[in-house]
PDB file of N, CA and C in Angstrom:
ATOM      1  N   UNK A   1     196.263  13.739 206.887  1.00  0.00           N
ATOM      2  CA  UNK A   1     196.108  15.101 207.276  1.00  0.00           C
ATOM      3  C   UNK A   1     194.898  15.724 206.566  1.00  0.00           C
ATOM      4  N   UNK A   2     194.555  15.332 205.356  1.00  0.00           N
ATOM      5  CA  UNK A   2     193.346  15.855 204.660  1.00  0.00           C
ATOM      6  C   UNK A   2     192.088  15.439 205.353  1.00  0.00           C
ATOM      7  N   UNK A   3     192.074  14.222 205.892  1.00  0.00           N
ATOM      8  CA  UNK A   3     190.897  13.750 206.618  1.00  0.00           C
ATOM      9  C   UNK A   3     190.718  14.572 207.867  1.00  0.00           C
ATOM     10  N   UNK A   4     191.816  14.966 208.499  1.00  0.00           N
ATOM     11  CA  UNK A   4     191.762  15.771 209.718  1.00  0.00           C
ATOM     12  C   UNK A   4     191.137  17.140 209.404  1.00  0.00           C
ATOM     13  N   UNK A   5     191.557  17.735 208.310  1.00  0.00           N
ATOM     14  CA  UNK A   5     191.021  19.027 207.922  1.00  0.00           C
ATOM     15  C   UNK A   5     189.509  18.950 207.594  1.00  0.00           C
ATOM     16  N   UNK A   6     189.122  17.832 206.918  1.00  0.00           N
ATOM     17  CA  UNK A   6     187.719  17.618 206.591  1.00  0.00           C
ATOM     18  C   UNK A   6     186.864  17.490 207.840  1.00  0.00           C
ATOM     19  N   UNK A   7     187.360  16.738 208.763  1.00  0.00           N
ATOM     20  CA  UNK A   7     186.633  16.514 210.014  1.00  0.00           C
ATOM     21  C   UNK A   7     186.525  17.824 210.786  1.00  0.00           C
ATOM     22  N   UNK A   8     187.573  18.616 210.870  1.00  0.00           N
ATOM     23  CA  UNK A   8     187.592  19.891 211.511  1.00  0.00           C
ATOM     24  C   UNK A   8     186.524  20.793 210.830  1.00  0.00           C
ATOM     25  N   UNK A   9     186.530  20.879 209.576  1.00  0.00           N
ATOM     26  CA  UNK A   9     185.582  21.719 208.849  1.00  0.00           C
ATOM     27  C   UNK A   9     184.103  21.253 209.056  1.00  0.00           C
ATOM     28  N   UNK A  10     183.883  19.949 209.045  1.00  0.00           N
ATOM     29  CA  UNK A  10     182.539  19.417 209.241  1.00  0.00           C
ATOM     30  C   UNK A  10     182.008  19.740 210.648  1.00  0.00           C
ATOM     31  N   UNK A  11     182.899  19.661 211.637  1.00  0.00           N
ATOM     32  CA  UNK A  11     182.471  19.983 213.020  1.00  0.00           C
ATOM     33  C   UNK A  11     182.230  21.493 213.135  1.00  0.00           C
ATOM     34  N   UNK A  12     183.047  22.276 212.497  1.00  0.00           N
ATOM     35  CA  UNK A  12     182.835  23.714 212.427  1.00  0.00           C
ATOM     36  C   UNK A  12     181.491  24.071 211.838  1.00  0.00           C
ATOM     37  N   UNK A  13     181.161  23.461 210.701  1.00  0.00           N
ATOM     38  CA  UNK A  13     179.886  23.713 210.047  1.00  0.00           C
ATOM     39  C   UNK A  13     178.722  23.290 210.888  1.00  0.00           C
ATOM     40  N   UNK A  14     178.839  22.136 211.586  1.00  0.00           N
ATOM     41  CA  UNK A  14     177.768  21.708 212.476  1.00  0.00           C
ATOM     42  C   UNK A  14     177.547  22.727 213.551  1.00  0.00           C
ATOM     43  N   UNK A  15     178.616  23.233 214.137  1.00  0.00           N
ATOM     44  CA  UNK A  15     178.517  24.249 215.200  1.00  0.00           C
ATOM     45  C   UNK A  15     177.860  25.489 214.715  1.00  0.00           C
ATOM     46  N   UNK A  16     178.221  25.969 213.512  1.00  0.00           N
ATOM     47  CA  UNK A  16     177.639  27.147 212.940  1.00  0.00           C
ATOM     48  C   UNK A  16     176.156  26.922 212.666  1.00  0.00           C
ATOM     49  N   UNK A  17     175.826  25.756 212.182  1.00  0.00           N
ATOM     50  CA  UNK A  17     174.398  25.451 211.866  1.00  0.00           C
ATOM     51  C   UNK A  17     173.595  25.436 213.149  1.00  0.00           C
ATOM     52  N   UNK A  18     174.086  24.847 214.192  1.00  0.00           N
ATOM     53  CA  UNK A  18     173.392  24.811 215.511  1.00  0.00           C
ATOM     54  C   UNK A  18     173.147  26.208 216.029  1.00  0.00           C
ATOM     55  N   UNK A  19     174.190  27.044 215.965  1.00  0.00           N
ATOM     56  CA  UNK A  19     174.075  28.435 216.388  1.00  0.00           C
ATOM     57  C   UNK A  19     173.051  29.169 215.636  1.00  0.00           C
ATOM     58  N   UNK A  20     173.097  29.033 214.300  1.00  0.00           N
ATOM     59  CA  UNK A  20     172.115  29.731 213.450  1.00  0.00           C
ATOM     60  C   UNK A  20     170.688  29.245 213.713  1.00  0.00           C
ATOM     61  N   UNK A  21     170.547  27.960 213.903  1.00  0.00           N
ATOM     62  CA  UNK A  21     169.244  27.359 214.163  1.00  0.00           C
ATOM     63  C   UNK A  21     168.662  27.957 215.464  1.00  0.00           C
ATOM     64  N   UNK A  22     169.456  28.041 216.524  1.00  0.00           N
ATOM     65  CA  UNK A  22     169.026  28.552 217.794  1.00  0.00           C
ATOM     66  C   UNK A  22     168.650  30.025 217.589  1.00  0.00           C
ATOM     67  N   UNK A  23     169.473  30.763 216.916  1.00  0.00           N
ATOM     68  CA  UNK A  23     169.189  32.207 216.661  1.00  0.00           C
ATOM     69  C   UNK A  23     167.918  32.385 215.864  1.00  0.00           C
ATOM     70  N   UNK A  24     167.699  31.571 214.870  1.00  0.00           N
ATOM     71  CA  UNK A  24     166.475  31.635 214.057  1.00  0.00           C
ATOM     72  C   UNK A  24     165.203  31.348 214.922  1.00  0.00           C
ATOM     73  N   UNK A  25     165.252  30.278 215.714  1.00  0.00           N
ATOM     74  CA  UNK A  25     164.124  29.857 216.571  1.00  0.00           C
ATOM     75  C   UNK A  25     163.795  30.957 217.536  1.00  0.00           C
ATOM     76  N   UNK A  26     164.855  31.599 218.166  1.00  0.00           N
ATOM     77  CA  UNK A  26     164.556  32.586 219.115  1.00  0.00           C
ATOM     78  C   UNK A  26     164.103  33.863 218.488  1.00  0.00           C
ATOM     79  N   UNK A  27     164.749  34.327 217.424  1.00  0.00           N
ATOM     80  CA  UNK A  27     164.407  35.626 216.838  1.00  0.00           C
ATOM     81  C   UNK A  27     163.146  35.533 216.054  1.00  0.00           C
ATOM     82  N   UNK A  28     162.999  34.557 215.158  1.00  0.00           N
ATOM     83  CA  UNK A  28     161.782  34.429 214.364  1.00  0.00           C
ATOM     84  C   UNK A  28     160.677  33.696 215.058  1.00  0.00           C
ATOM     85  N   UNK A  29     161.009  32.609 215.708  1.00  0.00           N
ATOM     86  CA  UNK A  29     159.965  31.806 216.372  1.00  0.00           C
ATOM     87  C   UNK A  29     159.425  32.506 217.573  1.00  0.00           C
ATOM     88  N   UNK A  30     160.249  32.907 218.546  1.00  0.00           N
ATOM     89  CA  UNK A  30     159.732  33.522 219.751  1.00  0.00           C
ATOM     90  C   UNK A  30     159.272  34.970 219.538  1.00  0.00           C
ATOM     91  N   UNK A  31     159.904  35.650 218.595  1.00  0.00           N
ATOM     92  CA  UNK A  31     159.528  37.025 218.365  1.00  0.00           C
ATOM     93  C   UNK A  31     158.355  37.195 217.422  1.00  0.00           C
ATOM     94  N   UNK A  32     158.037  36.246 216.594  1.00  0.00           N
ATOM     95  CA  UNK A  32     156.960  36.414 215.648  1.00  0.00           C
ATOM     96  C   UNK A  32     155.918  35.247 215.672  1.00  0.00           C
ATOM     97  N   UNK A  33     156.402  34.050 215.553  1.00  0.00           N
ATOM     98  CA  UNK A  33     155.458  32.945 215.362  1.00  0.00           C
ATOM     99  C   UNK A  33     154.755  32.541 216.661  1.00  0.00           C
ATOM    100  N   UNK A  34     155.483  32.520 217.828  1.00  0.00           N
ATOM    101  CA  UNK A  34     154.926  32.073 219.040  1.00  0.00           C
ATOM    102  C   UNK A  34     154.606  33.224 219.995  1.00  0.00           C
ATOM    103  N   UNK A  35     154.467  34.440 219.456  1.00  0.00           N
ATOM    104  CA  UNK A  35     154.296  35.602 220.272  1.00  0.00           C
ATOM    105  C   UNK A  35     153.002  35.535 221.047  1.00  0.00           C
ATOM    106  N   UNK A  36     151.934  35.035 220.517  1.00  0.00           N
ATOM    107  CA  UNK A  36     150.680  35.000 221.269  1.00  0.00           C
ATOM    108  C   UNK A  36     150.724  34.070 222.449  1.00  0.00           C
ATOM    109  N   UNK A  37     151.381  32.909 222.316  1.00  0.00           N
ATOM    110  CA  UNK A  37     151.530  31.984 223.433  1.00  0.00           C
ATOM    111  C   UNK A  37     152.475  32.563 224.475  1.00  0.00           C
ATOM    112  N   UNK A  38     153.576  33.211 224.040  1.00  0.00           N
ATOM    113  CA  UNK A  38     154.498  33.813 224.998  1.00  0.00           C
ATOM    114  C   UNK A  38     154.030  35.000 225.672  1.00  0.00           C
ATOM    115  N   UNK A  39     153.038  35.721 225.082  1.00  0.00           N
ATOM    116  CA  UNK A  39     152.484  36.886 225.719  1.00  0.00           C
ATOM    117  C   UNK A  39     151.640  36.609 226.948  1.00  0.00           C
ATOM    118  N   UNK A  40     151.354  35.370 227.199  1.00  0.00           N
ATOM    119  CA  UNK A  40     150.608  34.972 228.426  1.00  0.00           C
ATOM    120  C   UNK A  40     151.544  34.984 229.625  1.00  0.00           C
ATOM    121  N   UNK A  41     152.867  35.036 229.380  1.00  0.00           N
ATOM    122  CA  UNK A  41     153.890  35.098 230.412  1.00  0.00           C
ATOM    123  C   UNK A  41     154.429  36.470 230.482  1.00  0.00           C
ATOM    124  N   UNK A  42     154.658  36.953 231.703  1.00  0.00           N
ATOM    125  CA  UNK A  42     155.268  38.308 231.851  1.00  0.00           C
ATOM    126  C   UNK A  42     156.646  38.225 232.456  1.00  0.00           C
ATOM    127  N   UNK A  43     157.516  39.118 231.945  1.00  0.00           N
ATOM    128  CA  UNK A  43     158.908  39.196 232.376  1.00  0.00           C
ATOM    129  C   UNK A  43     159.200  40.649 232.661  1.00  0.00           C
ATOM    130  N   UNK A  44     159.362  40.987 233.957  1.00  0.00           N
ATOM    131  CA  UNK A  44     159.645  42.382 234.302  1.00  0.00           C
ATOM    132  C   UNK A  44     158.583  43.293 233.964  1.00  0.00           C
ATOM    133  N   UNK A  45     157.311  42.855 233.977  1.00  0.00           N
ATOM    134  CA  UNK A  45     156.169  43.718 233.673  1.00  0.00           C
ATOM    135  C   UNK A  45     155.805  43.744 232.189  1.00  0.00           C
ATOM    136  N   UNK A  46     156.624  43.153 231.361  1.00  0.00           N
ATOM    137  CA  UNK A  46     156.339  43.104 229.898  1.00  0.00           C
ATOM    138  C   UNK A  46     155.951  41.754 229.468  1.00  0.00           C
ATOM    139  N   UNK A  47     155.189  41.666 228.433  1.00  0.00           N
ATOM    140  CA  UNK A  47     154.782  40.358 227.886  1.00  0.00           C
ATOM    141  C   UNK A  47     156.059  39.729 227.301  1.00  0.00           C
ATOM    142  N   UNK A  48     156.197  38.440 227.492  1.00  0.00           N
ATOM    143  CA  UNK A  48     157.414  37.714 227.070  1.00  0.00           C
ATOM    144  C   UNK A  48     157.587  37.762 225.567  1.00  0.00           C
ATOM    145  N   UNK A  49     156.506  37.632 224.777  1.00  0.00           N
ATOM    146  CA  UNK A  49     156.626  37.768 223.330  1.00  0.00           C
ATOM    147  C   UNK A  49     157.175  39.044 222.909  1.00  0.00           C
ATOM    148  N   UNK A  50     156.763  40.193 223.526  1.00  0.00           N
ATOM    149  CA  UNK A  50     157.279  41.522 223.201  1.00  0.00           C
ATOM    150  C   UNK A  50     158.775  41.608 223.620  1.00  0.00           C
ATOM    151  N   UNK A  51     159.061  41.036 224.758  1.00  0.00           N
ATOM    152  CA  UNK A  51     160.475  41.051 225.242  1.00  0.00           C
ATOM    153  C   UNK A  51     161.389  40.356 224.271  1.00  0.00           C
ATOM    154  N   UNK A  52     160.996  39.175 223.807  1.00  0.00           N
ATOM    155  CA  UNK A  52     161.818  38.458 222.810  1.00  0.00           C
ATOM    156  C   UNK A  52     161.950  39.231 221.529  1.00  0.00           C
ATOM    157  N   UNK A  53     160.882  39.823 221.058  1.00  0.00           N
ATOM    158  CA  UNK A  53     160.960  40.553 219.796  1.00  0.00           C
ATOM    159  C   UNK A  53     161.851  41.781 219.933  1.00  0.00           C
ATOM    160  N   UNK A  54     161.830  42.437 221.098  1.00  0.00           N
ATOM    161  CA  UNK A  54     162.610  43.665 221.260  1.00  0.00           C
ATOM    162  C   UNK A  54     164.040  43.466 221.735  1.00  0.00           C
ATOM    163  N   UNK A  55     164.226  42.577 222.735  1.00  0.00           N
ATOM    164  CA  UNK A  55     165.588  42.493 223.357  1.00  0.00           C
ATOM    165  C   UNK A  55     166.046  41.038 223.499  1.00  0.00           C
ATOM    166  N   UNK A  56     165.172  40.113 223.687  1.00  0.00           N
ATOM    167  CA  UNK A  56     165.607  38.735 223.975  1.00  0.00           C
ATOM    168  C   UNK A  56     166.445  38.148 222.847  1.00  0.00           C
ATOM    169  N   UNK A  57     166.057  38.369 221.584  1.00  0.00           N
ATOM    170  CA  UNK A  57     166.847  37.811 220.513  1.00  0.00           C
ATOM    171  C   UNK A  57     168.246  38.416 220.412  1.00  0.00           C
ATOM    172  N   UNK A  58     168.335  39.673 220.855  1.00  0.00           N
ATOM    173  CA  UNK A  58     169.689  40.296 220.832  1.00  0.00           C
ATOM    174  C   UNK A  58     170.561  39.697 221.930  1.00  0.00           C
ATOM    175  N   UNK A  59     169.961  39.466 223.119  1.00  0.00           N
ATOM    176  CA  UNK A  59     170.721  38.782 224.218  1.00  0.00           C
ATOM    177  C   UNK A  59     171.144  37.369 223.829  1.00  0.00           C
ATOM    178  N   UNK A  60     170.232  36.694 223.203  1.00  0.00           N
ATOM    179  CA  UNK A  60     170.597  35.317 222.761  1.00  0.00           C
ATOM    180  C   UNK A  60     171.678  35.362 221.719  1.00  0.00           C
ATOM    181  N   UNK A  61     171.694  36.328 220.796  1.00  0.00           N
ATOM    182  CA  UNK A  61     172.717  36.412 219.762  1.00  0.00           C
ATOM    183  C   UNK A  61     174.078  36.684 220.419  1.00  0.00           C
ATOM    184  N   UNK A  62     174.100  37.621 221.391  1.00  0.00           N
ATOM    185  CA  UNK A  62     175.392  37.888 222.081  1.00  0.00           C
ATOM    186  C   UNK A  62     175.882  36.666 222.847  1.00  0.00           C
ATOM    187  N   UNK A  63     174.981  35.926 223.473  1.00  0.00           N
ATOM    188  CA  UNK A  63     175.357  34.764 224.139  1.00  0.00           C
ATOM    189  C   UNK A  63     175.878  33.685 223.148  1.00  0.00           C
ATOM    190  N   UNK A  64     175.286  33.595 222.000  1.00  0.00           N
ATOM    191  CA  UNK A  64     175.729  32.668 221.015  1.00  0.00           C
ATOM    192  C   UNK A  64     177.142  33.035 220.481  1.00  0.00           C
ATOM    193  N   UNK A  65     177.439  34.302 220.367  1.00  0.00           N
ATOM    194  CA  UNK A  65     178.758  34.720 219.948  1.00  0.00           C
ATOM    195  C   UNK A  65     179.845  34.222 220.927  1.00  0.00           C
ATOM    196  N   UNK A  66     179.547  34.415 222.224  1.00  0.00           N
ATOM    197  CA  UNK A  66     180.481  33.957 223.302  1.00  0.00           C
ATOM    198  C   UNK A  66     180.563  32.417 223.267  1.00  0.00           C
ATOM    199  N   UNK A  67     179.409  31.711 223.133  1.00  0.00           N
ATOM    200  CA  UNK A  67     179.456  30.248 223.079  1.00  0.00           C
ATOM    201  C   UNK A  67     180.231  29.759 221.842  1.00  0.00           C
ATOM    202  N   UNK A  68     180.081  30.383 220.734  1.00  0.00           N
ATOM    203  CA  UNK A  68     180.769  29.999 219.461  1.00  0.00           C
ATOM    204  C   UNK A  68     182.285  30.155 219.681  1.00  0.00           C
ATOM    205  N   UNK A  69     182.735  31.232 220.321  1.00  0.00           N
ATOM    206  CA  UNK A  69     184.143  31.468 220.633  1.00  0.00           C
ATOM    207  C   UNK A  69     184.662  30.388 221.543  1.00  0.00           C
ATOM    208  N   UNK A  70     183.891  30.050 222.572  1.00  0.00           N
ATOM    209  CA  UNK A  70     184.302  29.022 223.472  1.00  0.00           C
ATOM    210  C   UNK A  70     184.404  27.687 222.805  1.00  0.00           C
ATOM    211  N   UNK A  71     183.398  27.325 222.019  1.00  0.00           N
ATOM    212  CA  UNK A  71     183.316  26.049 221.324  1.00  0.00           C
ATOM    213  C   UNK A  71     184.439  25.931 220.285  1.00  0.00           C
ATOM    214  N   UNK A  72     184.729  27.041 219.595  1.00  0.00           N
ATOM    215  CA  UNK A  72     185.779  27.020 218.572  1.00  0.00           C
ATOM    216  C   UNK A  72     187.175  26.819 219.235  1.00  0.00           C
ATOM    217  N   UNK A  73     187.373  27.432 220.343  1.00  0.00           N
ATOM    218  CA  UNK A  73     188.624  27.277 221.080  1.00  0.00           C
ATOM    219  C   UNK A  73     188.794  25.803 221.439  1.00  0.00           C
ATOM    220  N   UNK A  74     187.739  25.148 221.909  1.00  0.00           N
ATOM    221  CA  UNK A  74     187.820  23.731 222.228  1.00  0.00           C
ATOM    222  C   UNK A  74     188.090  22.891 220.964  1.00  0.00           C
ATOM    223  N   UNK A  75     187.407  23.252 219.869  1.00  0.00           N
ATOM    224  CA  UNK A  75     187.606  22.516 218.631  1.00  0.00           C
ATOM    225  C   UNK A  75     188.978  22.723 218.070  1.00  0.00           C
ATOM    226  N   UNK A  76     189.510  23.904 218.137  1.00  0.00           N
ATOM    227  CA  UNK A  76     190.881  24.189 217.702  1.00  0.00           C
ATOM    228  C   UNK A  76     191.902  23.379 218.461  1.00  0.00           C
ATOM    229  N   UNK A  77     191.672  23.287 219.815  1.00  0.00           N
ATOM    230  CA  UNK A  77     192.543  22.519 220.678  1.00  0.00           C
ATOM    231  C   UNK A  77     192.475  20.994 220.378  1.00  0.00           C
ATOM    232  N   UNK A  78     191.272  20.581 220.045  1.00  0.00           N
ATOM    233  CA  UNK A  78     191.076  19.127 219.685  1.00  0.00           C
ATOM    234  C   UNK A  78     191.871  18.754 218.437  1.00  0.00           C
ATOM    235  N   UNK A  79     191.856  19.615 217.449  1.00  0.00           N
ATOM    236  CA  UNK A  79     192.545  19.347 216.195  1.00  0.00           C
ATOM    237  C   UNK A  79     193.973  19.920 216.097  1.00  0.00           C
ATOM    238  N   UNK A  80     194.470  20.513 217.217  1.00  0.00           N
ATOM    239  CA  UNK A  80     195.851  20.942 217.249  1.00  0.00           C
ATOM    240  C   UNK A  80     196.125  22.208 216.430  1.00  0.00           C
ATOM    241  N   UNK A  81     195.097  23.077 216.173  1.00  0.00           N
ATOM    242  CA  UNK A  81     195.280  24.240 215.427  1.00  0.00           C
ATOM    243  C   UNK A  81     195.121  25.515 216.271  1.00  0.00           C
ATOM    244  N   UNK A  82     195.205  25.341 217.601  1.00  0.00           N
ATOM    245  CA  UNK A  82     195.097  26.507 218.496  1.00  0.00           C
ATOM    246  C   UNK A  82     196.364  27.235 218.556  1.00  0.00           C
ATOM    247  N   UNK A  83     196.273  28.471 219.085  1.00  0.00           N
ATOM    248  CA  UNK A  83     197.459  29.322 219.154  1.00  0.00           C
ATOM    249  C   UNK A  83     198.158  29.114 220.473  1.00  0.00           C
TER     250      UNK A  83
END
């Protein structure tokens, strides 16, 4: 049973790390580091770098919250700890 808990926690941490990495790349990378390259593309009349810095990272964060919830429900079911 202890091995099962350890595996569950390791998979949970991997999922959290992946979500945080995506959020970091989108918010910091697309909003600050790659802004000049992204500004060559327009989205709805705005430069894409500006859009990521102002709204895109927020949309990605909200999407990641829903993805994390979905993935955790699957993980809970896999390990038999779902409600």
